[in-house]
PDB file of N, CA and C in Angstrom:
ATOM      1  N   MET A   1     -11.407   4.816  50.696  1.00  0.00           N
ATOM      2  CA  MET A   1     -11.942   3.900  49.706  1.00  0.00           C
ATOM      3  C   MET A   1     -10.864   2.882  49.349  1.00  0.00           C
ATOM      4  N   THR A   2     -11.240   1.612  49.291  1.00  0.00           N
ATOM      5  CA  THR A   2     -10.299   0.564  48.902  1.00  0.00           C
ATOM      6  C   THR A   2     -10.660   0.059  47.510  1.00  0.00           C
ATOM      7  N   VAL A   3      -9.619  -0.349  46.806  1.00  0.00           N
ATOM      8  CA  VAL A   3      -9.800  -0.871  45.457  1.00  0.00           C
ATOM      9  C   VAL A   3      -9.658  -2.382  45.509  1.00  0.00           C
ATOM     10  N   ASP A   4     -10.633  -3.087  44.951  1.00  0.00           N
ATOM     11  CA  ASP A   4     -10.611  -4.547  44.920  1.00  0.00           C
ATOM     12  C   ASP A   4      -9.666  -5.001  43.815  1.00  0.00           C
ATOM     13  N   THR A   5      -8.584  -5.678  44.181  1.00  0.00           N
ATOM     14  CA  THR A   5      -7.614  -6.154  43.190  1.00  0.00           C
ATOM     15  C   THR A   5      -7.497  -7.678  43.196  1.00  0.00           C
ATOM     16  N   GLU A   6      -8.441  -8.337  43.822  1.00  0.00           N
ATOM     17  CA  GLU A   6      -8.401  -9.795  43.897  1.00  0.00           C
ATOM     18  C   GLU A   6      -8.606 -10.418  42.509  1.00  0.00           C
ATOM     19  N   ILE A   7      -7.763 -11.386  42.184  1.00  0.00           N
ATOM     20  CA  ILE A   7      -7.893 -12.114  40.913  1.00  0.00           C
ATOM     21  C   ILE A   7      -8.875 -13.259  41.138  1.00  0.00           C
ATOM     22  N   ARG A   8      -9.934 -13.258  40.348  1.00  0.00           N
ATOM     23  CA  ARG A   8     -10.967 -14.274  40.525  1.00  0.00           C
ATOM     24  C   ARG A   8     -10.896 -15.382  39.479  1.00  0.00           C
ATOM     25  N   HIS A   9     -10.335 -15.056  38.341  1.00  0.00           N
ATOM     26  CA  HIS A   9     -10.267 -16.065  37.265  1.00  0.00           C
ATOM     27  C   HIS A   9      -9.121 -15.725  36.325  1.00  0.00           C
ATOM     28  N   VAL A  10      -8.405 -16.736  35.888  1.00  0.00           N
ATOM     29  CA  VAL A  10      -7.338 -16.566  34.908  1.00  0.00           C
ATOM     30  C   VAL A  10      -7.609 -17.527  33.757  1.00  0.00           C
ATOM     31  N   THR A  11      -7.660 -17.000  32.556  1.00  0.00           N
ATOM     32  CA  THR A  11      -7.875 -17.838  31.381  1.00  0.00           C
ATOM     33  C   THR A  11      -6.538 -18.427  30.961  1.00  0.00           C
ATOM     34  N   LYS A  12      -6.509 -19.718  30.773  1.00  0.00           N
ATOM     35  CA  LYS A  12      -5.274 -20.401  30.381  1.00  0.00           C
ATOM     36  C   LYS A  12      -4.921 -20.061  28.939  1.00  0.00           C
ATOM     37  N   PRO A  13      -3.619 -19.994  28.620  1.00  0.00           N
ATOM     38  CA  PRO A  13      -3.209 -19.723  27.230  1.00  0.00           C
ATOM     39  C   PRO A  13      -3.808 -20.762  26.284  1.00  0.00           C
ATOM     40  N   GLY A  14      -4.312 -20.285  25.168  1.00  0.00           N
ATOM     41  CA  GLY A  14      -4.887 -21.170  24.166  1.00  0.00           C
ATOM     42  C   GLY A  14      -6.345 -21.533  24.415  1.00  0.00           C
ATOM     43  N   ALA A  15      -6.853 -21.181  25.588  1.00  0.00           N
ATOM     44  CA  ALA A  15      -8.252 -21.494  25.895  1.00  0.00           C
ATOM     45  C   ALA A  15      -9.169 -20.617  25.042  1.00  0.00           C
ATOM     46  N   ASN A  16     -10.380 -21.088  24.850  1.00  0.00           N
ATOM     47  CA  ASN A  16     -11.352 -20.330  24.075  1.00  0.00           C
ATOM     48  C   ASN A  16     -12.018 -19.305  24.993  1.00  0.00           C
ATOM     49  N   LEU A  17     -11.546 -18.074  24.916  1.00  0.00           N
ATOM     50  CA  LEU A  17     -12.043 -16.992  25.745  1.00  0.00           C
ATOM     51  C   LEU A  17     -13.538 -16.748  25.513  1.00  0.00           C
ATOM     52  N   PHE A  18     -13.985 -16.940  24.284  1.00  0.00           N
ATOM     53  CA  PHE A  18     -15.393 -16.698  23.962  1.00  0.00           C
ATOM     54  C   PHE A  18     -16.304 -17.691  24.684  1.00  0.00           C
ATOM     55  N   LEU A  19     -15.835 -18.919  24.825  1.00  0.00           N
ATOM     56  CA  LEU A  19     -16.590 -19.924  25.565  1.00  0.00           C
ATOM     57  C   LEU A  19     -16.662 -19.520  27.039  1.00  0.00           C
ATOM     58  N   GLU A  20     -15.543 -19.043  27.566  1.00  0.00           N
ATOM     59  CA  GLU A  20     -15.508 -18.615  28.971  1.00  0.00           C
ATOM     60  C   GLU A  20     -16.360 -17.367  29.214  1.00  0.00           C
ATOM     61  N   LEU A  21     -16.564 -16.567  28.172  1.00  0.00           N
ATOM     62  CA  LEU A  21     -17.399 -15.370  28.306  1.00  0.00           C
ATOM     63  C   LEU A  21     -18.891 -15.687  28.210  1.00  0.00           C
ATOM     64  N   GLY A  22     -19.215 -16.952  27.920  1.00  0.00           N
ATOM     65  CA  GLY A  22     -20.614 -17.362  27.928  1.00  0.00           C
ATOM     66  C   GLY A  22     -21.261 -17.513  26.569  1.00  0.00           C
ATOM     67  N   PHE A  23     -20.486 -17.406  25.490  1.00  0.00           N
ATOM     68  CA  PHE A  23     -21.067 -17.628  24.173  1.00  0.00           C
ATOM     69  C   PHE A  23     -21.426 -19.103  24.026  1.00  0.00           C
ATOM     70  N   ALA A  24     -22.411 -19.390  23.191  1.00  0.00           N
ATOM     71  CA  ALA A  24     -22.790 -20.770  22.903  1.00  0.00           C
ATOM     72  C   ALA A  24     -21.587 -21.479  22.289  1.00  0.00           C
ATOM     73  N   PRO A  25     -21.410 -22.758  22.568  1.00  0.00           N
ATOM     74  CA  PRO A  25     -20.231 -23.484  22.090  1.00  0.00           C
ATOM     75  C   PRO A  25     -19.943 -23.346  20.587  1.00  0.00           C
ATOM     76  N   ASP A  26     -20.977 -23.454  19.758  1.00  0.00           N
ATOM     77  CA  ASP A  26     -20.753 -23.331  18.304  1.00  0.00           C
ATOM     78  C   ASP A  26     -20.289 -21.937  17.927  1.00  0.00           C
ATOM     79  N   GLU A  27     -20.936 -20.922  18.514  1.00  0.00           N
ATOM     80  CA  GLU A  27     -20.549 -19.546  18.213  1.00  0.00           C
ATOM     81  C   GLU A  27     -19.157 -19.245  18.766  1.00  0.00           C
ATOM     82  N   ALA A  28     -18.860 -19.752  19.952  1.00  0.00           N
ATOM     83  CA  ALA A  28     -17.547 -19.540  20.562  1.00  0.00           C
ATOM     84  C   ALA A  28     -16.444 -20.131  19.695  1.00  0.00           C
ATOM     85  N   LYS A  29     -16.728 -21.289  19.132  1.00  0.00           N
ATOM     86  CA  LYS A  29     -15.743 -21.949  18.260  1.00  0.00           C
ATOM     87  C   LYS A  29     -15.471 -21.103  17.020  1.00  0.00           C
ATOM     88  N   LEU A  30     -16.529 -20.569  16.412  1.00  0.00           N
ATOM     89  CA  LEU A  30     -16.377 -19.726  15.224  1.00  0.00           C
ATOM     90  C   LEU A  30     -15.636 -18.425  15.550  1.00  0.00           C
ATOM     91  N   LEU A  31     -15.997 -17.796  16.649  1.00  0.00           N
ATOM     92  CA  LEU A  31     -15.344 -16.547  17.052  1.00  0.00           C
ATOM     93  C   LEU A  31     -13.864 -16.773  17.371  1.00  0.00           C
ATOM     94  N   HIS A  32     -13.584 -17.876  18.039  1.00  0.00           N
ATOM     95  CA  HIS A  32     -12.198 -18.203  18.383  1.00  0.00           C
ATOM     96  C   HIS A  32     -11.367 -18.412  17.117  1.00  0.00           C
ATOM     97  N   ALA A  33     -11.897 -19.157  16.169  1.00  0.00           N
ATOM     98  CA  ALA A  33     -11.191 -19.404  14.906  1.00  0.00           C
ATOM     99  C   ALA A  33     -10.961 -18.098  14.146  1.00  0.00           C
ATOM    100  N   ALA A  34     -11.974 -17.237  14.116  1.00  0.00           N
ATOM    101  CA  ALA A  34     -11.844 -15.954  13.423  1.00  0.00           C
ATOM    102  C   ALA A  34     -10.788 -15.079  14.083  1.00  0.00           C
ATOM    103  N   SER A  35     -10.749 -15.076  15.406  1.00  0.00           N
ATOM    104  CA  SER A  35      -9.752 -14.254  16.096  1.00  0.00           C
ATOM    105  C   SER A  35      -8.345 -14.800  15.861  1.00  0.00           C
ATOM    106  N   ARG A  36      -8.190 -16.108  15.820  1.00  0.00           N
ATOM    107  CA  ARG A  36      -6.865 -16.710  15.543  1.00  0.00           C
ATOM    108  C   ARG A  36      -6.399 -16.333  14.137  1.00  0.00           C
ATOM    109  N   ARG A  37      -7.327 -16.352  13.159  1.00  0.00           N
ATOM    110  CA  ARG A  37      -6.976 -15.960  11.787  1.00  0.00           C
ATOM    111  C   ARG A  37      -6.543 -14.501  11.734  1.00  0.00           C
ATOM    112  N   HIS A  38      -7.279 -13.657  12.435  1.00  0.00           N
ATOM    113  CA  HIS A  38      -6.953 -12.225  12.460  1.00  0.00           C
ATOM    114  C   HIS A  38      -5.563 -12.000  13.065  1.00  0.00           C
ATOM    115  N   ILE A  39      -5.275 -12.664  14.163  1.00  0.00           N
ATOM    116  CA  ILE A  39      -3.964 -12.535  14.809  1.00  0.00           C
ATOM    117  C   ILE A  39      -2.867 -13.021  13.871  1.00  0.00           C
ATOM    118  N   SER A  40      -3.095 -14.131  13.206  1.00  0.00           N
ATOM    119  CA  SER A  40      -2.111 -14.677  12.274  1.00  0.00           C
ATOM    120  C   SER A  40      -1.885 -13.742  11.086  1.00  0.00           C
ATOM    121  N   ASP A  41      -2.964 -13.217  10.531  1.00  0.00           N
ATOM    122  CA  ASP A  41      -2.853 -12.294   9.395  1.00  0.00           C
ATOM    123  C   ASP A  41      -2.078 -11.037   9.779  1.00  0.00           C
ATOM    124  N   THR A  42      -2.349 -10.513  10.963  1.00  0.00           N
ATOM    125  CA  THR A  42      -1.657  -9.316  11.438  1.00  0.00           C
ATOM    126  C   THR A  42      -0.166  -9.592  11.615  1.00  0.00           C
ATOM    127  N   ARG A  43       0.155 -10.731  12.214  1.00  0.00           N
ATOM    128  CA  ARG A  43       1.559 -11.105  12.411  1.00  0.00           C
ATOM    129  C   ARG A  43       2.284 -11.244  11.071  1.00  0.00           C
ATOM    130  N   LEU A  44       1.641 -11.871  10.103  1.00  0.00           N
ATOM    131  CA  LEU A  44       2.261 -12.043   8.786  1.00  0.00           C
ATOM    132  C   LEU A  44       2.493 -10.702   8.099  1.00  0.00           C
ATOM    133  N   LEU A  45       1.546  -9.787   8.207  1.00  0.00           N
ATOM    134  CA  LEU A  45       1.702  -8.463   7.620  1.00  0.00           C
ATOM    135  C   LEU A  45       2.871  -7.727   8.267  1.00  0.00           C
ATOM    136  N   LYS A  46       2.952  -7.781   9.588  1.00  0.00           N
ATOM    137  CA  LYS A  46       4.070  -7.145  10.280  1.00  0.00           C
ATOM    138  C   LYS A  46       5.403  -7.749   9.836  1.00  0.00           C
ATOM    139  N   GLU A  47       5.445  -9.066   9.687  1.00  0.00           N
ATOM    140  CA  GLU A  47       6.679  -9.727   9.245  1.00  0.00           C
ATOM    141  C   GLU A  47       7.085  -9.259   7.845  1.00  0.00           C
ATOM    142  N   GLN A  48       6.112  -9.080   6.955  1.00  0.00           N
ATOM    143  CA  GLN A  48       6.417  -8.591   5.602  1.00  0.00           C
ATOM    144  C   GLN A  48       6.986  -7.175   5.649  1.00  0.00           C
ATOM    145  N   LEU A  49       6.383  -6.319   6.463  1.00  0.00           N
ATOM    146  CA  LEU A  49       6.864  -4.946   6.579  1.00  0.00           C
ATOM    147  C   LEU A  49       8.268  -4.922   7.192  1.00  0.00           C
ATOM    148  N   MET A  50       8.492  -5.764   8.176  1.00  0.00           N
ATOM    149  CA  MET A  50       9.813  -5.844   8.813  1.00  0.00           C
ATOM    150  C   MET A  50      10.862  -6.372   7.830  1.00  0.00           C
ATOM    151  N   GLU A  51      10.463  -7.309   7.006  1.00  0.00           N
ATOM    152  CA  GLU A  51      11.386  -7.845   6.002  1.00  0.00           C
ATOM    153  C   GLU A  51      11.786  -6.757   5.016  1.00  0.00           C
ATOM    154  N   GLU A  52      10.847  -5.924   4.617  1.00  0.00           N
ATOM    155  CA  GLU A  52      11.162  -4.803   3.721  1.00  0.00           C
ATOM    156  C   GLU A  52      12.173  -3.858   4.361  1.00  0.00           C
ATOM    157  N   LEU A  53      11.962  -3.547   5.634  1.00  0.00           N
ATOM    158  CA  LEU A  53      12.897  -2.668   6.340  1.00  0.00           C
ATOM    159  C   LEU A  53      14.268  -3.321   6.486  1.00  0.00           C
ATOM    160  N   SER A  54      14.294  -4.582   6.849  1.00  0.00           N
ATOM    161  CA  SER A  54      15.564  -5.300   7.013  1.00  0.00           C
ATOM    162  C   SER A  54      16.332  -5.363   5.701  1.00  0.00           C
ATOM    163  N   THR A  55      15.622  -5.614   4.619  1.00  0.00           N
ATOM    164  CA  THR A  55      16.255  -5.664   3.294  1.00  0.00           C
ATOM    165  C   THR A  55      16.822  -4.302   2.933  1.00  0.00           C
ATOM    166  N   TRP A  56      16.067  -3.242   3.204  1.00  0.00           N
ATOM    167  CA  TRP A  56      16.546  -1.885   2.912  1.00  0.00           C
ATOM    168  C   TRP A  56      17.818  -1.582   3.696  1.00  0.00           C
ATOM    169  N   ILE A  57      17.845  -1.966   4.961  1.00  0.00           N
ATOM    170  CA  ILE A  57      19.030  -1.744   5.803  1.00  0.00           C
ATOM    171  C   ILE A  57      20.225  -2.496   5.234  1.00  0.00           C
ATOM    172  N   SER A  58      20.020  -3.746   4.854  1.00  0.00           N
ATOM    173  CA  SER A  58      21.103  -4.559   4.287  1.00  0.00           C
ATOM    174  C   SER A  58      21.598  -4.006   2.959  1.00  0.00           C
ATOM    175  N   GLU A  59      20.661  -3.641   2.089  1.00  0.00           N
ATOM    176  CA  GLU A  59      21.034  -3.123   0.768  1.00  0.00           C
ATOM    177  C   GLU A  59      21.849  -1.834   0.863  1.00  0.00           C
ATOM    178  N   HIS A  60      21.610  -1.053   1.914  1.00  0.00           N
ATOM    179  CA  HIS A  60      22.332   0.204   2.091  1.00  0.00           C
ATOM    180  C   HIS A  60      23.542   0.046   3.012  1.00  0.00           C
ATOM    181  N   HIS A  61      23.832  -1.199   3.397  1.00  0.00           N
ATOM    182  CA  HIS A  61      25.002  -1.522   4.225  1.00  0.00           C
ATOM    183  C   HIS A  61      25.072  -0.636   5.466  1.00  0.00           C
ATOM    184  N   LEU A  62      23.941  -0.510   6.129  1.00  0.00           N
ATOM    185  CA  LEU A  62      23.858   0.349   7.308  1.00  0.00           C
ATOM    186  C   LEU A  62      24.047  -0.451   8.589  1.00  0.00           C
ATOM    187  N   LYS A  63      24.691   0.185   9.540  1.00  0.00           N
ATOM    188  CA  LYS A  63      24.736  -0.373  10.884  1.00  0.00           C
ATOM    189  C   LYS A  63      23.412   0.010  11.544  1.00  0.00           C
ATOM    190  N   GLN A  64      23.058  -0.723  12.581  1.00  0.00           N
ATOM    191  CA  GLN A  64      21.768  -0.454  13.225  1.00  0.00           C
ATOM    192  C   GLN A  64      21.676   0.973  13.749  1.00  0.00           C
ATOM    193  N   ALA A  65      22.756   1.510  14.266  1.00  0.00           N
ATOM    194  CA  ALA A  65      22.740   2.886  14.779  1.00  0.00           C
ATOM    195  C   ALA A  65      22.482   3.883  13.652  1.00  0.00           C
ATOM    196  N   GLU A  66      23.056   3.621  12.478  1.00  0.00           N
ATOM    197  CA  GLU A  66      22.833   4.506  11.324  1.00  0.00           C
ATOM    198  C   GLU A  66      21.382   4.414  10.855  1.00  0.00           C
ATOM    199  N   ALA A  67      20.877   3.193  10.801  1.00  0.00           N
ATOM    200  CA  ALA A  67      19.482   2.994  10.386  1.00  0.00           C
ATOM    201  C   ALA A  67      18.536   3.660  11.383  1.00  0.00           C
ATOM    202  N   ALA A  68      18.855   3.566  12.658  1.00  0.00           N
ATOM    203  CA  ALA A  68      18.018   4.162  13.700  1.00  0.00           C
ATOM    204  C   ALA A  68      17.897   5.667  13.509  1.00  0.00           C
ATOM    205  N   GLU A  69      18.993   6.307  13.157  1.00  0.00           N
ATOM    206  CA  GLU A  69      18.980   7.752  12.946  1.00  0.00           C
ATOM    207  C   GLU A  69      18.072   8.123  11.769  1.00  0.00           C
ATOM    208  N   ILE A  70      18.186   7.367  10.688  1.00  0.00           N
ATOM    209  CA  ILE A  70      17.374   7.630   9.498  1.00  0.00           C
ATOM    210  C   ILE A  70      15.894   7.348   9.773  1.00  0.00           C
ATOM    211  N   LEU A  71      15.627   6.249  10.488  1.00  0.00           N
ATOM    212  CA  LEU A  71      14.249   5.844  10.778  1.00  0.00           C
ATOM    213  C   LEU A  71      13.628   6.641  11.929  1.00  0.00           C
ATOM    214  N   MET A  72      14.481   7.415  12.619  1.00  0.00           N
ATOM    215  CA  MET A  72      14.032   8.226  13.754  1.00  0.00           C
ATOM    216  C   MET A  72      13.483   7.367  14.891  1.00  0.00           C
ATOM    217  N   VAL A  73      14.202   6.271  15.171  1.00  0.00           N
ATOM    218  CA  VAL A  73      13.875   5.385  16.285  1.00  0.00           C
ATOM    219  C   VAL A  73      15.181   5.060  17.009  1.00  0.00           C
ATOM    220  N   SER A  74      15.089   4.351  18.108  1.00  0.00           N
ATOM    221  CA  SER A  74      16.296   3.954  18.836  1.00  0.00           C
ATOM    222  C   SER A  74      16.959   2.753  18.168  1.00  0.00           C
ATOM    223  N   ARG A  75      18.225   2.532  18.475  1.00  0.00           N
ATOM    224  CA  ARG A  75      18.931   1.389  17.920  1.00  0.00           C
ATOM    225  C   ARG A  75      18.282   0.068  18.349  1.00  0.00           C
ATOM    226  N   PRO A  76      17.849  -0.065  19.616  1.00  0.00           N
ATOM    227  CA  PRO A  76      17.157  -1.305  19.985  1.00  0.00           C
ATOM    228  C   PRO A  76      15.881  -1.558  19.178  1.00  0.00           C
ATOM    229  N   ARG A  77      15.200  -0.483  18.763  1.00  0.00           N
ATOM    230  CA  ARG A  77      14.002  -0.662  17.929  1.00  0.00           C
ATOM    231  C   ARG A  77      14.378  -1.246  16.572  1.00  0.00           C
ATOM    232  N   VAL A  78      15.509  -0.808  16.031  1.00  0.00           N
ATOM    233  CA  VAL A  78      15.978  -1.372  14.760  1.00  0.00           C
ATOM    234  C   VAL A  78      16.295  -2.850  14.956  1.00  0.00           C
ATOM    235  N   SER A  79      16.934  -3.176  16.054  1.00  0.00           N
ATOM    236  CA  SER A  79      17.234  -4.575  16.356  1.00  0.00           C
ATOM    237  C   SER A  79      15.948  -5.406  16.417  1.00  0.00           C
ATOM    238  N   ASP A  80      14.916  -4.849  17.038  1.00  0.00           N
ATOM    239  CA  ASP A  80      13.633  -5.556  17.118  1.00  0.00           C
ATOM    240  C   ASP A  80      13.029  -5.782  15.735  1.00  0.00           C
ATOM    241  N   VAL A  81      13.195  -4.809  14.841  1.00  0.00           N
ATOM    242  CA  VAL A  81      12.699  -4.965  13.468  1.00  0.00           C
ATOM    243  C   VAL A  81      13.464  -6.079  12.774  1.00  0.00           C
ATOM    244  N   VAL A  82      14.784  -6.013  12.833  1.00  0.00           N
ATOM    245  CA  VAL A  82      15.637  -6.991  12.155  1.00  0.00           C
ATOM    246  C   VAL A  82      15.367  -8.405  12.680  1.00  0.00           C
ATOM    247  N   ASN A  83      15.077  -8.512  13.977  1.00  0.00           N
ATOM    248  CA  ASN A  83      14.828  -9.817  14.596  1.00  0.00           C
ATOM    249  C   ASN A  83      13.356 -10.211  14.576  1.00  0.00           C
ATOM    250  N   LYS A  84      12.549  -9.454  13.831  1.00  0.00           N
ATOM    251  CA  LYS A  84      11.126  -9.760  13.600  1.00  0.00           C
ATOM    252  C   LYS A  84      10.328  -9.935  14.894  1.00  0.00           C
ATOM    253  N   LYS A  85      10.520  -9.031  15.837  1.00  0.00           N
ATOM    254  CA  LYS A  85       9.750  -9.063  17.081  1.00  0.00           C
ATOM    255  C   LYS A  85       8.433  -8.316  16.859  1.00  0.00           C
ATOM    256  N   THR A  86       7.517  -9.012  16.218  1.00  0.00           N
ATOM    257  CA  THR A  86       6.268  -8.399  15.761  1.00  0.00           C
ATOM    258  C   THR A  86       5.412  -7.832  16.884  1.00  0.00           C
ATOM    259  N   ALA A  87       5.464  -8.428  18.052  1.00  0.00           N
ATOM    260  CA  ALA A  87       4.614  -7.972  19.158  1.00  0.00           C
ATOM    261  C   ALA A  87       4.989  -6.569  19.633  1.00  0.00           C
ATOM    262  N   LYS A  88       6.171  -6.113  19.300  1.00  0.00           N
ATOM    263  CA  LYS A  88       6.639  -4.807  19.774  1.00  0.00           C
ATOM    264  C   LYS A  88       6.249  -3.647  18.859  1.00  0.00           C
ATOM    265  N   PHE A  89       5.568  -3.932  17.756  1.00  0.00           N
ATOM    266  CA  PHE A  89       5.254  -2.898  16.779  1.00  0.00           C
ATOM    267  C   PHE A  89       3.804  -2.939  16.343  1.00  0.00           C
ATOM    268  N   THR A  90       3.298  -1.768  16.002  1.00  0.00           N
ATOM    269  CA  THR A  90       2.005  -1.693  15.338  1.00  0.00           C
ATOM    270  C   THR A  90       2.281  -1.649  13.835  1.00  0.00           C
ATOM    271  N   ILE A  91       1.285  -1.965  13.062  1.00  0.00           N
ATOM    272  CA  ILE A  91       1.413  -1.863  11.608  1.00  0.00           C
ATOM    273  C   ILE A  91       1.695  -0.414  11.226  1.00  0.00           C
ATOM    274  N   ASP A  92       1.032   0.518  11.891  1.00  0.00           N
ATOM    275  CA  ASP A  92       1.238   1.950  11.617  1.00  0.00           C
ATOM    276  C   ASP A  92       2.696   2.364  11.807  1.00  0.00           C
ATOM    277  N   ALA A  93       3.315   1.917  12.898  1.00  0.00           N
ATOM    278  CA  ALA A  93       4.703   2.290  13.171  1.00  0.00           C
ATOM    279  C   ALA A  93       5.631   1.769  12.078  1.00  0.00           C
ATOM    280  N   LEU A  94       5.396   0.550  11.634  1.00  0.00           N
ATOM    281  CA  LEU A  94       6.229  -0.034  10.580  1.00  0.00           C
ATOM    282  C   LEU A  94       6.018   0.690   9.254  1.00  0.00           C
ATOM    283  N   MET A  95       4.763   1.040   8.959  1.00  0.00           N
ATOM    284  CA  MET A  95       4.478   1.783   7.731  1.00  0.00           C
ATOM    285  C   MET A  95       5.147   3.158   7.761  1.00  0.00           C
ATOM    286  N   GLU A  96       5.144   3.787   8.908  1.00  0.00           N
ATOM    287  CA  GLU A  96       5.767   5.098   9.055  1.00  0.00           C
ATOM    288  C   GLU A  96       7.277   5.007   8.807  1.00  0.00           C
ATOM    289  N   MET A  97       7.911   3.975   9.342  1.00  0.00           N
ATOM    290  CA  MET A  97       9.349   3.787   9.119  1.00  0.00           C
ATOM    291  C   MET A  97       9.647   3.556   7.643  1.00  0.00           C
ATOM    292  N   LEU A  98       8.822   2.756   6.998  1.00  0.00           N
ATOM    293  CA  LEU A  98       9.029   2.513   5.570  1.00  0.00           C
ATOM    294  C   LEU A  98       8.862   3.801   4.772  1.00  0.00           C
ATOM    295  N   GLY A  99       7.912   4.610   5.148  1.00  0.00           N
ATOM    296  CA  GLY A  99       7.712   5.897   4.484  1.00  0.00           C
ATOM    297  C   GLY A  99       8.931   6.797   4.619  1.00  0.00           C
ATOM    298  N   ARG A 100       9.598   6.740   5.765  1.00  0.00           N
ATOM    299  CA  ARG A 100      10.781   7.577   6.001  1.00  0.00           C
ATOM    300  C   ARG A 100      11.952   7.211   5.097  1.00  0.00           C
ATOM    301  N   VAL A 101      11.947   5.977   4.598  1.00  0.00           N
ATOM    302  CA  VAL A 101      13.050   5.556   3.713  1.00  0.00           C
ATOM    303  C   VAL A 101      12.606   5.521   2.254  1.00  0.00           C
ATOM    304  N   GLY A 102      11.474   6.145   1.976  1.00  0.00           N
ATOM    305  CA  GLY A 102      11.023   6.237   0.593  1.00  0.00           C
ATOM    306  C   GLY A 102      10.326   5.004   0.059  1.00  0.00           C
ATOM    307  N   LYS A 103       9.759   4.208   0.965  1.00  0.00           N
ATOM    308  CA  LYS A 103       9.027   3.011   0.569  1.00  0.00           C
ATOM    309  C   LYS A 103       7.602   3.095   1.128  1.00  0.00           C
ATOM    310  N   PRO A 104       6.788   3.993   0.563  1.00  0.00           N
ATOM    311  CA  PRO A 104       5.424   4.115   1.085  1.00  0.00           C
ATOM    312  C   PRO A 104       4.646   2.819   0.873  1.00  0.00           C
ATOM    313  N   VAL A 105       3.796   2.523   1.824  1.00  0.00           N
ATOM    314  CA  VAL A 105       2.998   1.298   1.790  1.00  0.00           C
ATOM    315  C   VAL A 105       1.627   1.620   1.240  1.00  0.00           C
ATOM    316  N   ARG A 106       1.163   0.796   0.305  1.00  0.00           N
ATOM    317  CA  ARG A 106      -0.189   0.943  -0.256  1.00  0.00           C
ATOM    318  C   ARG A 106      -1.000  -0.266   0.160  1.00  0.00           C
ATOM    319  N   LEU A 107      -2.216  -0.008   0.517  1.00  0.00           N
ATOM    320  CA  LEU A 107      -3.115  -1.065   0.936  1.00  0.00           C
ATOM    321  C   LEU A 107      -4.037  -1.417  -0.229  1.00  0.00           C
ATOM    322  N   ALA A 108      -4.142  -2.691  -0.517  1.00  0.00           N
ATOM    323  CA  ALA A 108      -5.045  -3.159  -1.579  1.00  0.00           C
ATOM    324  C   ALA A 108      -6.051  -4.115  -0.971  1.00  0.00           C
ATOM    325  N   VAL A 109      -7.299  -3.858  -1.238  1.00  0.00           N
ATOM    326  CA  VAL A 109      -8.359  -4.734  -0.740  1.00  0.00           C
ATOM    327  C   VAL A 109      -8.901  -5.535  -1.916  1.00  0.00           C
ATOM    328  N   SER A 110      -8.968  -6.841  -1.719  1.00  0.00           N
ATOM    329  CA  SER A 110      -9.472  -7.682  -2.812  1.00  0.00           C
ATOM    330  C   SER A 110     -10.678  -8.480  -2.380  1.00  0.00           C
TER     331      SER A 110
END
């Protein structure tokens, strides 16, 4: 048995994927805008959580290796937090790290 691995279509960065999937233009525009907002909101939330962790590390005058031990992650992961590499983390992972340093995260819906 052979597996078909031929690439038939590549969506360009920034293109409206919903339009390419066959949604009506008006609906595709709305879906695209909503997905961009969701991505932006998620990135901002991750940045806030990372800022809390970075501030905690600074306030405790910790080296990244020391922080890594406390957070139970590798030193490069601490570097990624400090440098706000949001794509490398889930919100859950960041919340878990904050919990380990006594900063539990509460979610408020308004």
